[in-house]
Amino acid sequence: MKTIKFKFEDLKVYQKSLDFVDIVYNTTKQFPSEENYRLTSQFIRAATSISLNIAEGSGDTNPQFSRFLKISLGSIKECVVCVTIANNQNFITENESLILREKLAELSKMITALLKYLNQTKD
C-alpha cells in the first residue's frame, strides 16, 4: 500500500515533538485517576500542541510559520509547569522530571534555531 507523507513530517523537530507526546502519555498513566481531568489532560494538551502547531504552520509563509513556532514555544513552557507540578505532587520522580525537562530544552532549542533560520530567509 502506498504511503502518503506530508512535507512537515520530515522535520526532525516535528518527529521529536511526537516522541515527547508519547513520553507524556506514558508518564501521565502513572498519575492518580483524579488528575485525569486536571493535570493529566492539561499536560497532554500542551504536549500535543507543540506538534500540532509545527504541522499547522509549516508550508505557509515564513512569518506565519514563525508565529506557529512561537505558539509551540509557549506550549513547551506550559509543559515545563506541568512537569514542575507533577514533581511537586510526587506524581513523577526527580529523574523523570529531569528527563522530561531535557526533552523540552532540546525541543525549545530546535524550534528557536528554526525560527532564526526562518527570519534569515526570504519568502
PDB file of N, CA and C in Angstrom:
ATOM      1  N   MET A   1       0.831  -1.176   0.000  1.00  0.00           N
ATOM      2  CA  MET A   1       0.000   0.000   0.000  1.00  0.00           C
ATOM      3  C   MET A   1       0.882   1.249   0.000  1.00  0.00           C
ATOM      4  N   LYS A   2       0.478   2.228  -0.758  1.00  0.00           N
ATOM      5  CA  LYS A   2       1.236   3.464  -0.901  1.00  0.00           C
ATOM      6  C   LYS A   2       1.137   4.310   0.372  1.00  0.00           C
ATOM      7  N   THR A   3       2.264   4.878   0.766  1.00  0.00           N
ATOM      8  CA  THR A   3       2.300   5.752   1.927  1.00  0.00           C
ATOM      9  C   THR A   3       2.170   7.198   1.463  1.00  0.00           C
ATOM     10  N   ILE A   4       1.293   7.930   2.098  1.00  0.00           N
ATOM     11  CA  ILE A   4       1.146   9.346   1.805  1.00  0.00           C
ATOM     12  C   ILE A   4       1.824  10.113   2.925  1.00  0.00           C
ATOM     13  N   LYS A   5       2.745  10.985   2.544  1.00  0.00           N
ATOM     14  CA  LYS A   5       3.524  11.708   3.538  1.00  0.00           C
ATOM     15  C   LYS A   5       3.445  13.201   3.243  1.00  0.00           C
ATOM     16  N   PHE A   6       3.321  13.976   4.307  1.00  0.00           N
ATOM     17  CA  PHE A   6       3.321  15.421   4.193  1.00  0.00           C
ATOM     18  C   PHE A   6       4.725  15.935   4.484  1.00  0.00           C
ATOM     19  N   LYS A   7       5.070  17.065   3.891  1.00  0.00           N
ATOM     20  CA  LYS A   7       6.425  17.597   3.996  1.00  0.00           C
ATOM     21  C   LYS A   7       6.852  17.842   5.450  1.00  0.00           C
ATOM     22  N   PHE A   8       5.941  18.355   6.272  1.00  0.00           N
ATOM     23  CA  PHE A   8       6.302  18.663   7.661  1.00  0.00           C
ATOM     24  C   PHE A   8       6.690  17.417   8.450  1.00  0.00           C
ATOM     25  N   GLU A   9       6.249  16.253   8.003  1.00  0.00           N
ATOM     26  CA  GLU A   9       6.570  15.015   8.707  1.00  0.00           C
ATOM     27  C   GLU A   9       8.062  14.678   8.636  1.00  0.00           C
ATOM     28  N   ASP A  10       8.775  15.310   7.695  1.00  0.00           N
ATOM     29  CA  ASP A  10      10.214  15.096   7.578  1.00  0.00           C
ATOM     30  C   ASP A  10      11.017  15.989   8.523  1.00  0.00           C
ATOM     31  N   LEU A  11      10.364  16.986   9.110  1.00  0.00           N
ATOM     32  CA  LEU A  11      11.067  17.880  10.023  1.00  0.00           C
ATOM     33  C   LEU A  11      11.467  17.134  11.291  1.00  0.00           C
ATOM     34  N   LYS A  12      12.745  17.185  11.621  1.00  0.00           N
ATOM     35  CA  LYS A  12      13.254  16.495  12.816  1.00  0.00           C
ATOM     36  C   LYS A  12      12.573  17.015  14.085  1.00  0.00           C
ATOM     37  N   VAL A  13      12.326  18.317  14.144  1.00  0.00           N
ATOM     38  CA  VAL A  13      11.691  18.896  15.322  1.00  0.00           C
ATOM     39  C   VAL A  13      10.263  18.366  15.479  1.00  0.00           C
ATOM     40  N   TYR A  14       9.581  18.150  14.378  1.00  0.00           N
ATOM     41  CA  TYR A  14       8.234  17.581  14.424  1.00  0.00           C
ATOM     42  C   TYR A  14       8.304  16.140  14.944  1.00  0.00           C
ATOM     43  N   GLN A  15       9.243  15.364  14.435  1.00  0.00           N
ATOM     44  CA  GLN A  15       9.390  13.974  14.865  1.00  0.00           C
ATOM     45  C   GLN A  15       9.720  13.889  16.354  1.00  0.00           C
ATOM     46  N   LYS A  16      10.592  14.764  16.823  1.00  0.00           N
ATOM     47  CA  LYS A  16      10.947  14.768  18.246  1.00  0.00           C
ATOM     48  C   LYS A  16       9.781  15.234  19.105  1.00  0.00           C
ATOM     49  N   SER A  17       8.975  16.130  18.572  1.00  0.00           N
ATOM     50  CA  SER A  17       7.805  16.583  19.332  1.00  0.00           C
ATOM     51  C   SER A  17       6.795  15.448  19.488  1.00  0.00           C
ATOM     52  N   LEU A  18       6.665  14.621  18.476  1.00  0.00           N
ATOM     53  CA  LEU A  18       5.787  13.449  18.581  1.00  0.00           C
ATOM     54  C   LEU A  18       6.332  12.446  19.599  1.00  0.00           C
ATOM     55  N   ASP A  19       7.646  12.289  19.615  1.00  0.00           N
ATOM     56  CA  ASP A  19       8.266  11.417  20.625  1.00  0.00           C
ATOM     57  C   ASP A  19       7.955  11.928  22.031  1.00  0.00           C
ATOM     58  N   PHE A  20       7.983  13.251  22.194  1.00  0.00           N
ATOM     59  CA  PHE A  20       7.678  13.835  23.502  1.00  0.00           C
ATOM     60  C   PHE A  20       6.222  13.561  23.886  1.00  0.00           C
ATOM     61  N   VAL A  21       5.324  13.647  22.933  1.00  0.00           N
ATOM     62  CA  VAL A  21       3.912  13.340  23.206  1.00  0.00           C
ATOM     63  C   VAL A  21       3.776  11.914  23.726  1.00  0.00           C
ATOM     64  N   ASP A  22       4.478  10.981  23.104  1.00  0.00           N
ATOM     65  CA  ASP A  22       4.446   9.588  23.563  1.00  0.00           C
ATOM     66  C   ASP A  22       4.941   9.464  25.000  1.00  0.00           C
ATOM     67  N   ILE A  23       6.022  10.178  25.309  1.00  0.00           N
ATOM     68  CA  ILE A  23       6.568  10.147  26.671  1.00  0.00           C
ATOM     69  C   ILE A  23       5.539  10.691  27.661  1.00  0.00           C
ATOM     70  N   VAL A  24       4.880  11.784  27.296  1.00  0.00           N
ATOM     71  CA  VAL A  24       3.886  12.388  28.182  1.00  0.00           C
ATOM     72  C   VAL A  24       2.714  11.434  28.409  1.00  0.00           C
ATOM     73  N   TYR A  25       2.235  10.796  27.353  1.00  0.00           N
ATOM     74  CA  TYR A  25       1.147   9.828  27.523  1.00  0.00           C
ATOM     75  C   TYR A  25       1.568   8.716  28.486  1.00  0.00           C
ATOM     76  N   ASN A  26       2.766   8.196  28.309  1.00  0.00           N
ATOM     77  CA  ASN A  26       3.241   7.123  29.188  1.00  0.00           C
ATOM     78  C   ASN A  26       3.453   7.611  30.620  1.00  0.00           C
ATOM     79  N   THR A  27       3.968   8.807  30.755  1.00  0.00           N
ATOM     80  CA  THR A  27       4.221   9.361  32.089  1.00  0.00           C
ATOM     81  C   THR A  27       2.924   9.605  32.840  1.00  0.00           C
ATOM     82  N   THR A  28       1.945  10.173  32.157  1.00  0.00           N
ATOM     83  CA  THR A  28       0.695  10.528  32.834  1.00  0.00           C
ATOM     84  C   THR A  28      -0.156   9.307  33.182  1.00  0.00           C
ATOM     85  N   LYS A  29       0.153   8.164  32.632  1.00  0.00           N
ATOM     86  CA  LYS A  29      -0.564   6.940  33.009  1.00  0.00           C
ATOM     87  C   LYS A  29      -0.375   6.608  34.482  1.00  0.00           C
ATOM     88  N   GLN A  30       0.725   7.081  35.059  1.00  0.00           N
ATOM     89  CA  GLN A  30       1.006   6.791  36.468  1.00  0.00           C
ATOM     90  C   GLN A  30       0.416   7.855  37.400  1.00  0.00           C
ATOM     91  N   PHE A  31      -0.161   8.913  36.843  1.00  0.00           N
ATOM     92  CA  PHE A  31      -0.777   9.942  37.677  1.00  0.00           C
ATOM     93  C   PHE A  31      -2.032   9.375  38.334  1.00  0.00           C
ATOM     94  N   PRO A  32      -2.418   9.902  39.492  1.00  0.00           N
ATOM     95  CA  PRO A  32      -3.661   9.445  40.127  1.00  0.00           C
ATOM     96  C   PRO A  32      -4.863   9.681  39.212  1.00  0.00           C
ATOM     97  N   SER A  33      -5.842   8.794  39.285  1.00  0.00           N
ATOM     98  CA  SER A  33      -7.005   8.896  38.398  1.00  0.00           C
ATOM     99  C   SER A  33      -7.773  10.202  38.584  1.00  0.00           C
ATOM    100  N   GLU A  34      -7.751  10.773  39.780  1.00  0.00           N
ATOM    101  CA  GLU A  34      -8.460  12.037  39.985  1.00  0.00           C
ATOM    102  C   GLU A  34      -7.823  13.197  39.220  1.00  0.00           C
ATOM    103  N   GLU A  35      -6.618  12.974  38.685  1.00  0.00           N
ATOM    104  CA  GLU A  35      -5.947  14.002  37.887  1.00  0.00           C
ATOM    105  C   GLU A  35      -6.303  13.923  36.402  1.00  0.00           C
ATOM    106  N   ASN A  36      -7.114  12.943  36.004  1.00  0.00           N
ATOM    107  CA  ASN A  36      -7.447  12.768  34.586  1.00  0.00           C
ATOM    108  C   ASN A  36      -7.990  14.028  33.936  1.00  0.00           C
ATOM    109  N   TYR A  37      -8.807  14.770  34.628  1.00  0.00           N
ATOM    110  CA  TYR A  37      -9.419  15.970  34.049  1.00  0.00           C
ATOM    111  C   TYR A  37      -8.756  17.237  34.555  1.00  0.00           C
ATOM    112  N   ARG A  38      -7.620  17.081  35.186  1.00  0.00           N
ATOM    113  CA  ARG A  38      -6.867  18.227  35.670  1.00  0.00           C
ATOM    114  C   ARG A  38      -5.489  18.225  35.016  1.00  0.00           C
ATOM    115  N   LEU A  39      -4.478  17.879  35.770  1.00  0.00           N
ATOM    116  CA  LEU A  39      -3.110  17.969  35.273  1.00  0.00           C
ATOM    117  C   LEU A  39      -2.859  17.042  34.081  1.00  0.00           C
ATOM    118  N   THR A  40      -3.377  15.837  34.132  1.00  0.00           N
ATOM    119  CA  THR A  40      -3.133  14.885  33.043  1.00  0.00           C
ATOM    120  C   THR A  40      -3.603  15.440  31.703  1.00  0.00           C
ATOM    121  N   SER A  41      -4.841  15.909  31.652  1.00  0.00           N
ATOM    122  CA  SER A  41      -5.366  16.400  30.373  1.00  0.00           C
ATOM    123  C   SER A  41      -4.647  17.672  29.937  1.00  0.00           C
ATOM    124  N   GLN A  42      -4.307  18.533  30.876  1.00  0.00           N
ATOM    125  CA  GLN A  42      -3.590  19.765  30.523  1.00  0.00           C
ATOM    126  C   GLN A  42      -2.208  19.456  29.966  1.00  0.00           C
ATOM    127  N   PHE A  43      -1.523  18.520  30.591  1.00  0.00           N
ATOM    128  CA  PHE A  43      -0.179  18.126  30.160  1.00  0.00           C
ATOM    129  C   PHE A  43      -0.234  17.523  28.757  1.00  0.00           C
ATOM    130  N   ILE A  44      -1.181  16.643  28.523  1.00  0.00           N
ATOM    131  CA  ILE A  44      -1.310  16.021  27.198  1.00  0.00           C
ATOM    132  C   ILE A  44      -1.667  17.066  26.137  1.00  0.00           C
ATOM    133  N   ARG A  45      -2.596  17.970  26.462  1.00  0.00           N
ATOM    134  CA  ARG A  45      -2.967  19.028  25.503  1.00  0.00           C
ATOM    135  C   ARG A  45      -1.771  19.914  25.164  1.00  0.00           C
ATOM    136  N   ALA A  46      -1.007  20.314  26.174  1.00  0.00           N
ATOM    137  CA  ALA A  46       0.149  21.182  25.938  1.00  0.00           C
ATOM    138  C   ALA A  46       1.205  20.462  25.100  1.00  0.00           C
ATOM    139  N   ALA A  47       1.473  19.201  25.415  1.00  0.00           N
ATOM    140  CA  ALA A  47       2.468  18.433  24.658  1.00  0.00           C
ATOM    141  C   ALA A  47       2.021  18.248  23.207  1.00  0.00           C
ATOM    142  N   THR A  48       0.763  17.942  23.023  1.00  0.00           N
ATOM    143  CA  THR A  48       0.214  17.745  21.683  1.00  0.00           C
ATOM    144  C   THR A  48       0.248  19.044  20.881  1.00  0.00           C
ATOM    145  N   SER A  49       0.021  20.142  21.552  1.00  0.00           N
ATOM    146  CA  SER A  49       0.015  21.453  20.900  1.00  0.00           C
ATOM    147  C   SER A  49       1.352  21.781  20.242  1.00  0.00           C
ATOM    148  N   ILE A  50       2.432  21.282  20.805  1.00  0.00           N
ATOM    149  CA  ILE A  50       3.756  21.528  20.210  1.00  0.00           C
ATOM    150  C   ILE A  50       3.773  20.977  18.781  1.00  0.00           C
ATOM    151  N   SER A  51       3.402  19.715  18.630  1.00  0.00           N
ATOM    152  CA  SER A  51       3.398  19.059  17.308  1.00  0.00           C
ATOM    153  C   SER A  51       2.370  19.676  16.378  1.00  0.00           C
ATOM    154  N   LEU A  52       1.178  19.925  16.908  1.00  0.00           N
ATOM    155  CA  LEU A  52       0.103  20.468  16.083  1.00  0.00           C
ATOM    156  C   LEU A  52       0.476  21.815  15.477  1.00  0.00           C
ATOM    157  N   ASN A  53       1.110  22.669  16.254  1.00  0.00           N
ATOM    158  CA  ASN A  53       1.468  23.989  15.743  1.00  0.00           C
ATOM    159  C   ASN A  53       2.623  23.941  14.760  1.00  0.00           C
ATOM    160  N   ILE A  54       3.547  23.020  14.955  1.00  0.00           N
ATOM    161  CA  ILE A  54       4.615  22.838  13.954  1.00  0.00           C
ATOM    162  C   ILE A  54       3.991  22.414  12.631  1.00  0.00           C
ATOM    163  N   ALA A  55       3.098  21.453  12.690  1.00  0.00           N
ATOM    164  CA  ALA A  55       2.450  20.961  11.473  1.00  0.00           C
ATOM    165  C   ALA A  55       1.597  22.042  10.818  1.00  0.00           C
ATOM    166  N   GLU A  56       0.814  22.743  11.624  1.00  0.00           N
ATOM    167  CA  GLU A  56      -0.106  23.744  11.069  1.00  0.00           C
ATOM    168  C   GLU A  56       0.634  24.894  10.395  1.00  0.00           C
ATOM    169  N   GLY A  57       1.751  25.304  10.965  1.00  0.00           N
ATOM    170  CA  GLY A  57       2.473  26.443  10.408  1.00  0.00           C
ATOM    171  C   GLY A  57       3.370  26.113   9.234  1.00  0.00           C
ATOM    172  N   SER A  58       3.769  24.868   9.119  1.00  0.00           N
ATOM    173  CA  SER A  58       4.698  24.512   8.041  1.00  0.00           C
ATOM    174  C   SER A  58       4.019  24.633   6.690  1.00  0.00           C
ATOM    175  N   GLY A  59       4.811  24.993   5.709  1.00  0.00           N
ATOM    176  CA  GLY A  59       4.282  25.106   4.359  1.00  0.00           C
ATOM    177  C   GLY A  59       3.606  26.439   4.100  1.00  0.00           C
ATOM    178  N   ASP A  60       3.451  27.246   5.125  1.00  0.00           N
ATOM    179  CA  ASP A  60       2.872  28.579   4.979  1.00  0.00           C
ATOM    180  C   ASP A  60       4.023  29.561   4.769  1.00  0.00           C
ATOM    181  N   THR A  61       3.753  30.832   4.827  1.00  0.00           N
ATOM    182  CA  THR A  61       4.816  31.825   4.700  1.00  0.00           C
ATOM    183  C   THR A  61       5.727  31.744   5.921  1.00  0.00           C
ATOM    184  N   ASN A  62       6.944  32.246   5.787  1.00  0.00           N
ATOM    185  CA  ASN A  62       7.866  32.238   6.918  1.00  0.00           C
ATOM    186  C   ASN A  62       7.317  32.994   8.127  1.00  0.00           C
ATOM    187  N   PRO A  63       6.704  34.174   7.938  1.00  0.00           N
ATOM    188  CA  PRO A  63       6.126  34.855   9.102  1.00  0.00           C
ATOM    189  C   PRO A  63       5.015  34.043   9.778  1.00  0.00           C
ATOM    190  N   GLN A  64       4.196  33.383   8.989  1.00  0.00           N
ATOM    191  CA  GLN A  64       3.123  32.552   9.561  1.00  0.00           C
ATOM    192  C   GLN A  64       3.702  31.340  10.293  1.00  0.00           C
ATOM    193  N   PHE A  65       4.681  30.688   9.681  1.00  0.00           N
ATOM    194  CA  PHE A  65       5.317  29.536  10.314  1.00  0.00           C
ATOM    195  C   PHE A  65       5.977  29.974  11.618  1.00  0.00           C
ATOM    196  N   SER A  66       6.625  31.136  11.589  1.00  0.00           N
ATOM    197  CA  SER A  66       7.258  31.669  12.808  1.00  0.00           C
ATOM    198  C   SER A  66       6.225  31.872  13.907  1.00  0.00           C
ATOM    199  N   ARG A  67       5.066  32.373  13.538  1.00  0.00           N
ATOM    200  CA  ARG A  67       4.005  32.602  14.529  1.00  0.00           C
ATOM    201  C   ARG A  67       3.596  31.286  15.188  1.00  0.00           C
ATOM    202  N   PHE A  68       3.416  30.248  14.389  1.00  0.00           N
ATOM    203  CA  PHE A  68       3.027  28.947  14.941  1.00  0.00           C
ATOM    204  C   PHE A  68       4.153  28.328  15.772  1.00  0.00           C
ATOM    205  N   LEU A  69       5.396  28.545  15.357  1.00  0.00           N
ATOM    206  CA  LEU A  69       6.517  28.039  16.146  1.00  0.00           C
ATOM    207  C   LEU A  69       6.587  28.735  17.503  1.00  0.00           C
ATOM    208  N   LYS A  70       6.254  30.012  17.539  1.00  0.00           N
ATOM    209  CA  LYS A  70       6.223  30.742  18.816  1.00  0.00           C
ATOM    210  C   LYS A  70       5.120  30.195  19.723  1.00  0.00           C
ATOM    211  N   ILE A  71       4.022  29.790  19.134  1.00  0.00           N
ATOM    212  CA  ILE A  71       2.955  29.150  19.916  1.00  0.00           C
ATOM    213  C   ILE A  71       3.464  27.824  20.476  1.00  0.00           C
ATOM    214  N   SER A  72       4.221  27.085  19.675  1.00  0.00           N
ATOM    215  CA  SER A  72       4.829  25.833  20.147  1.00  0.00           C
ATOM    216  C   SER A  72       5.756  26.087  21.325  1.00  0.00           C
ATOM    217  N   LEU A  73       6.511  27.172  21.264  1.00  0.00           N
ATOM    218  CA  LEU A  73       7.393  27.515  22.391  1.00  0.00           C
ATOM    219  C   LEU A  73       6.574  27.803  23.651  1.00  0.00           C
ATOM    220  N   GLY A  74       5.431  28.441  23.479  1.00  0.00           N
ATOM    221  CA  GLY A  74       4.545  28.673  24.618  1.00  0.00           C
ATOM    222  C   GLY A  74       4.044  27.369  25.202  1.00  0.00           C
ATOM    223  N   SER A  75       3.741  26.409  24.350  1.00  0.00           N
ATOM    224  CA  SER A  75       3.288  25.096  24.810  1.00  0.00           C
ATOM    225  C   SER A  75       4.395  24.356  25.547  1.00  0.00           C
ATOM    226  N   ILE A  76       5.632  24.564  25.114  1.00  0.00           N
ATOM    227  CA  ILE A  76       6.766  23.970  25.821  1.00  0.00           C
ATOM    228  C   ILE A  76       6.825  24.524  27.242  1.00  0.00           C
ATOM    229  N   LYS A  77       6.614  25.818  27.386  1.00  0.00           N
ATOM    230  CA  LYS A  77       6.625  26.433  28.724  1.00  0.00           C
ATOM    231  C   LYS A  77       5.499  25.869  29.586  1.00  0.00           C
ATOM    232  N   GLU A  78       4.335  25.642  28.979  1.00  0.00           N
ATOM    233  CA  GLU A  78       3.233  25.009  29.712  1.00  0.00           C
ATOM    234  C   GLU A  78       3.651  23.629  30.213  1.00  0.00           C
ATOM    235  N   CYS A  79       4.336  22.886  29.361  1.00  0.00           N
ATOM    236  CA  CYS A  79       4.792  21.545  29.748  1.00  0.00           C
ATOM    237  C   CYS A  79       5.792  21.608  30.889  1.00  0.00           C
ATOM    238  N   VAL A  80       6.660  22.620  30.890  1.00  0.00           N
ATOM    239  CA  VAL A  80       7.614  22.783  31.992  1.00  0.00           C
ATOM    240  C   VAL A  80       6.854  22.949  33.306  1.00  0.00           C
ATOM    241  N   VAL A  81       5.800  23.746  33.291  1.00  0.00           N
ATOM    242  CA  VAL A  81       4.995  23.945  34.500  1.00  0.00           C
ATOM    243  C   VAL A  81       4.317  22.638  34.909  1.00  0.00           C
ATOM    244  N   CYS A  82       3.810  21.894  33.947  1.00  0.00           N
ATOM    245  CA  CYS A  82       3.183  20.601  34.246  1.00  0.00           C
ATOM    246  C   CYS A  82       4.182  19.642  34.882  1.00  0.00           C
ATOM    247  N   VAL A  83       5.402  19.624  34.371  1.00  0.00           N
ATOM    248  CA  VAL A  83       6.452  18.775  34.941  1.00  0.00           C
ATOM    249  C   VAL A  83       6.741  19.199  36.377  1.00  0.00           C
ATOM    250  N   THR A  84       6.829  20.493  36.599  1.00  0.00           N
ATOM    251  CA  THR A  84       7.109  21.012  37.945  1.00  0.00           C
ATOM    252  C   THR A  84       5.999  20.621  38.920  1.00  0.00           C
ATOM    253  N   ILE A  85       4.767  20.796  38.505  1.00  0.00           N
ATOM    254  CA  ILE A  85       3.634  20.435  39.361  1.00  0.00           C
ATOM    255  C   ILE A  85       3.632  18.937  39.637  1.00  0.00           C
ATOM    256  N   ALA A  86       3.827  18.130  38.594  1.00  0.00           N
ATOM    257  CA  ALA A  86       3.843  16.670  38.762  1.00  0.00           C
ATOM    258  C   ALA A  86       4.948  16.249  39.724  1.00  0.00           C
ATOM    259  N   ASN A  87       6.096  16.893  39.616  1.00  0.00           N
ATOM    260  CA  ASN A  87       7.202  16.582  40.513  1.00  0.00           C
ATOM    261  C   ASN A  87       6.873  17.022  41.941  1.00  0.00           C
ATOM    262  N   ASN A  88       6.341  18.228  42.089  1.00  0.00           N
ATOM    263  CA  ASN A  88       5.998  18.742  43.419  1.00  0.00           C
ATOM    264  C   ASN A  88       4.930  17.892  44.114  1.00  0.00           C
ATOM    265  N   GLN A  89       4.042  17.307  43.327  1.00  0.00           N
ATOM    266  CA  GLN A  89       2.971  16.466  43.874  1.00  0.00           C
ATOM    267  C   GLN A  89       3.392  15.003  43.997  1.00  0.00           C
ATOM    268  N   ASN A  90       4.654  14.727  43.673  1.00  0.00           N
ATOM    269  CA  ASN A  90       5.206  13.368  43.725  1.00  0.00           C
ATOM    270  C   ASN A  90       4.503  12.389  42.786  1.00  0.00           C
ATOM    271  N   PHE A  91       4.027  12.914  41.644  1.00  0.00           N
ATOM    272  CA  PHE A  91       3.463  12.040  40.612  1.00  0.00           C
ATOM    273  C   PHE A  91       4.575  11.452  39.754  1.00  0.00           C
ATOM    274  N   ILE A  92       5.713  12.146  39.717  1.00  0.00           N
ATOM    275  CA  ILE A  92       6.893  11.667  38.988  1.00  0.00           C
ATOM    276  C   ILE A  92       8.112  11.829  39.894  1.00  0.00           C
ATOM    277  N   THR A  93       9.158  11.099  39.567  1.00  0.00           N
ATOM    278  CA  THR A  93      10.401  11.175  40.338  1.00  0.00           C
ATOM    279  C   THR A  93      11.250  12.350  39.851  1.00  0.00           C
ATOM    280  N   GLU A  94      12.266  12.664  40.623  1.00  0.00           N
ATOM    281  CA  GLU A  94      13.225  13.699  40.215  1.00  0.00           C
ATOM    282  C   GLU A  94      13.875  13.322  38.882  1.00  0.00           C
ATOM    283  N   ASN A  95      14.191  12.046  38.719  1.00  0.00           N
ATOM    284  CA  ASN A  95      14.820  11.589  37.482  1.00  0.00           C
ATOM    285  C   ASN A  95      13.874  11.737  36.296  1.00  0.00           C
ATOM    286  N   GLU A  96      12.616  11.375  36.473  1.00  0.00           N
ATOM    287  CA  GLU A  96      11.640  11.549  35.391  1.00  0.00           C
ATOM    288  C   GLU A  96      11.491  13.026  35.045  1.00  0.00           C
ATOM    289  N   SER A  97      11.477  13.856  36.065  1.00  0.00           N
ATOM    290  CA  SER A  97      11.389  15.302  35.855  1.00  0.00           C
ATOM    291  C   SER A  97      12.577  15.794  35.024  1.00  0.00           C
ATOM    292  N   LEU A  98      13.762  15.346  35.367  1.00  0.00           N
ATOM    293  CA  LEU A  98      14.969  15.735  34.643  1.00  0.00           C
ATOM    294  C   LEU A  98      14.902  15.311  33.175  1.00  0.00           C
ATOM    295  N   ILE A  99      14.483  14.088  32.934  1.00  0.00           N
ATOM    296  CA  ILE A  99      14.382  13.580  31.563  1.00  0.00           C
ATOM    297  C   ILE A  99      13.386  14.411  30.749  1.00  0.00           C
ATOM    298  N   LEU A 100      12.223  14.690  31.330  1.00  0.00           N
ATOM    299  CA  LEU A 100      11.216  15.491  30.637  1.00  0.00           C
ATOM    300  C   LEU A 100      11.742  16.891  30.347  1.00  0.00           C
ATOM    301  N   ARG A 101      12.399  17.487  31.317  1.00  0.00           N
ATOM    302  CA  ARG A 101      12.950  18.834  31.135  1.00  0.00           C
ATOM    303  C   ARG A 101      14.042  18.842  30.064  1.00  0.00           C
ATOM    304  N   GLU A 102      14.855  17.798  29.999  1.00  0.00           N
ATOM    305  CA  GLU A 102      15.881  17.709  28.956  1.00  0.00           C
ATOM    306  C   GLU A 102      15.248  17.643  27.574  1.00  0.00           C
ATOM    307  N   LYS A 103      14.184  16.864  27.450  1.00  0.00           N
ATOM    308  CA  LYS A 103      13.477  16.759  26.165  1.00  0.00           C
ATOM    309  C   LYS A 103      12.876  18.107  25.771  1.00  0.00           C
ATOM    310  N   LEU A 104      12.296  18.799  26.747  1.00  0.00           N
ATOM    311  CA  LEU A 104      11.700  20.114  26.480  1.00  0.00           C
ATOM    312  C   LEU A 104      12.765  21.137  26.099  1.00  0.00           C
ATOM    313  N   ALA A 105      13.912  21.091  26.761  1.00  0.00           N
ATOM    314  CA  ALA A 105      15.008  22.009  26.423  1.00  0.00           C
ATOM    315  C   ALA A 105      15.495  21.759  25.002  1.00  0.00           C
ATOM    316  N   GLU A 106      15.591  20.489  24.638  1.00  0.00           N
ATOM    317  CA  GLU A 106      16.018  20.144  23.281  1.00  0.00           C
ATOM    318  C   GLU A 106      15.017  20.662  22.245  1.00  0.00           C
ATOM    319  N   LEU A 107      13.735  20.450  22.487  1.00  0.00           N
ATOM    320  CA  LEU A 107      12.713  20.951  21.570  1.00  0.00           C
ATOM    321  C   LEU A 107      12.757  22.474  21.472  1.00  0.00           C
ATOM    322  N   SER A 108      12.924  23.125  22.597  1.00  0.00           N
ATOM    323  CA  SER A 108      12.987  24.584  22.614  1.00  0.00           C
ATOM    324  C   SER A 108      14.159  25.095  21.782  1.00  0.00           C
ATOM    325  N   LYS A 109      15.310  24.458  21.917  1.00  0.00           N
ATOM    326  CA  LYS A 109      16.491  24.854  21.140  1.00  0.00           C
ATOM    327  C   LYS A 109      16.273  24.622  19.650  1.00  0.00           C
ATOM    328  N   MET A 110      15.667  23.514  19.312  1.00  0.00           N
ATOM    329  CA  MET A 110      15.428  23.205  17.904  1.00  0.00           C
ATOM    330  C   MET A 110      14.447  24.206  17.284  1.00  0.00           C
ATOM    331  N   ILE A 111      13.394  24.525  18.005  1.00  0.00           N
ATOM    332  CA  ILE A 111      12.411  25.478  17.488  1.00  0.00           C
ATOM    333  C   ILE A 111      13.029  26.870  17.383  1.00  0.00           C
ATOM    334  N   THR A 112      13.812  27.256  18.366  1.00  0.00           N
ATOM    335  CA  THR A 112      14.474  28.560  18.335  1.00  0.00           C
ATOM    336  C   THR A 112      15.430  28.656  17.150  1.00  0.00           C
ATOM    337  N   ALA A 113      16.157  27.588  16.885  1.00  0.00           N
ATOM    338  CA  ALA A 113      17.062  27.567  15.729  1.00  0.00           C
ATOM    339  C   ALA A 113      16.278  27.668  14.422  1.00  0.00           C
ATOM    340  N   LEU A 114      15.157  26.974  14.343  1.00  0.00           N
ATOM    341  CA  LEU A 114      14.320  27.046  13.145  1.00  0.00           C
ATOM    342  C   LEU A 114      13.760  28.455  12.970  1.00  0.00           C
ATOM    343  N   LEU A 115      13.364  29.087  14.058  1.00  0.00           N
ATOM    344  CA  LEU A 115      12.883  30.481  13.995  1.00  0.00           C
ATOM    345  C   LEU A 115      13.971  31.408  13.463  1.00  0.00           C
ATOM    346  N   LYS A 116      15.188  31.245  13.951  1.00  0.00           N
ATOM    347  CA  LYS A 116      16.304  32.078  13.477  1.00  0.00           C
ATOM    348  C   LYS A 116      16.530  31.867  11.981  1.00  0.00           C
ATOM    349  N   TYR A 117      16.474  30.623  11.544  1.00  0.00           N
ATOM    350  CA  TYR A 117      16.637  30.313  10.131  1.00  0.00           C
ATOM    351  C   TYR A 117      15.548  30.975   9.304  1.00  0.00           C
ATOM    352  N   LEU A 118      14.301  30.867   9.752  1.00  0.00           N
ATOM    353  CA  LEU A 118      13.187  31.460   9.003  1.00  0.00           C
ATOM    354  C   LEU A 118      13.296  32.969   8.929  1.00  0.00           C
ATOM    355  N   ASN A 119      13.801  33.586   9.979  1.00  0.00           N
ATOM    356  CA  ASN A 119      13.956  35.047   9.983  1.00  0.00           C
ATOM    357  C   ASN A 119      15.081  35.522   9.082  1.00  0.00           C
ATOM    358  N   GLN A 120      16.017  34.621   8.752  1.00  0.00           N
ATOM    359  CA  GLN A 120      17.128  34.978   7.869  1.00  0.00           C
ATOM    360  C   GLN A 120      16.790  34.784   6.402  1.00  0.00           C
ATOM    361  N   THR A 121      15.802  33.947   6.123  1.00  0.00           N
ATOM    362  CA  THR A 121      15.456  33.636   4.735  1.00  0.00           C
ATOM    363  C   THR A 121      14.273  34.487   4.285  1.00  0.00           C
ATOM    364  N   LYS A 122      14.236  34.733   3.019  1.00  0.00           N
ATOM    365  CA  LYS A 122      13.131  35.489   2.425  1.00  0.00           C
ATOM    366  C   LYS A 122      12.076  34.510   1.943  1.00  0.00           C
ATOM    367  N   ASP A 123      10.846  34.958   1.946  1.00  0.00           N
ATOM    368  CA  ASP A 123       9.737  34.136   1.423  1.00  0.00           C
ATOM    369  C   ASP A 123       9.738  34.110  -0.075  1.00  0.00           C
TER     370      ASP A 123
END
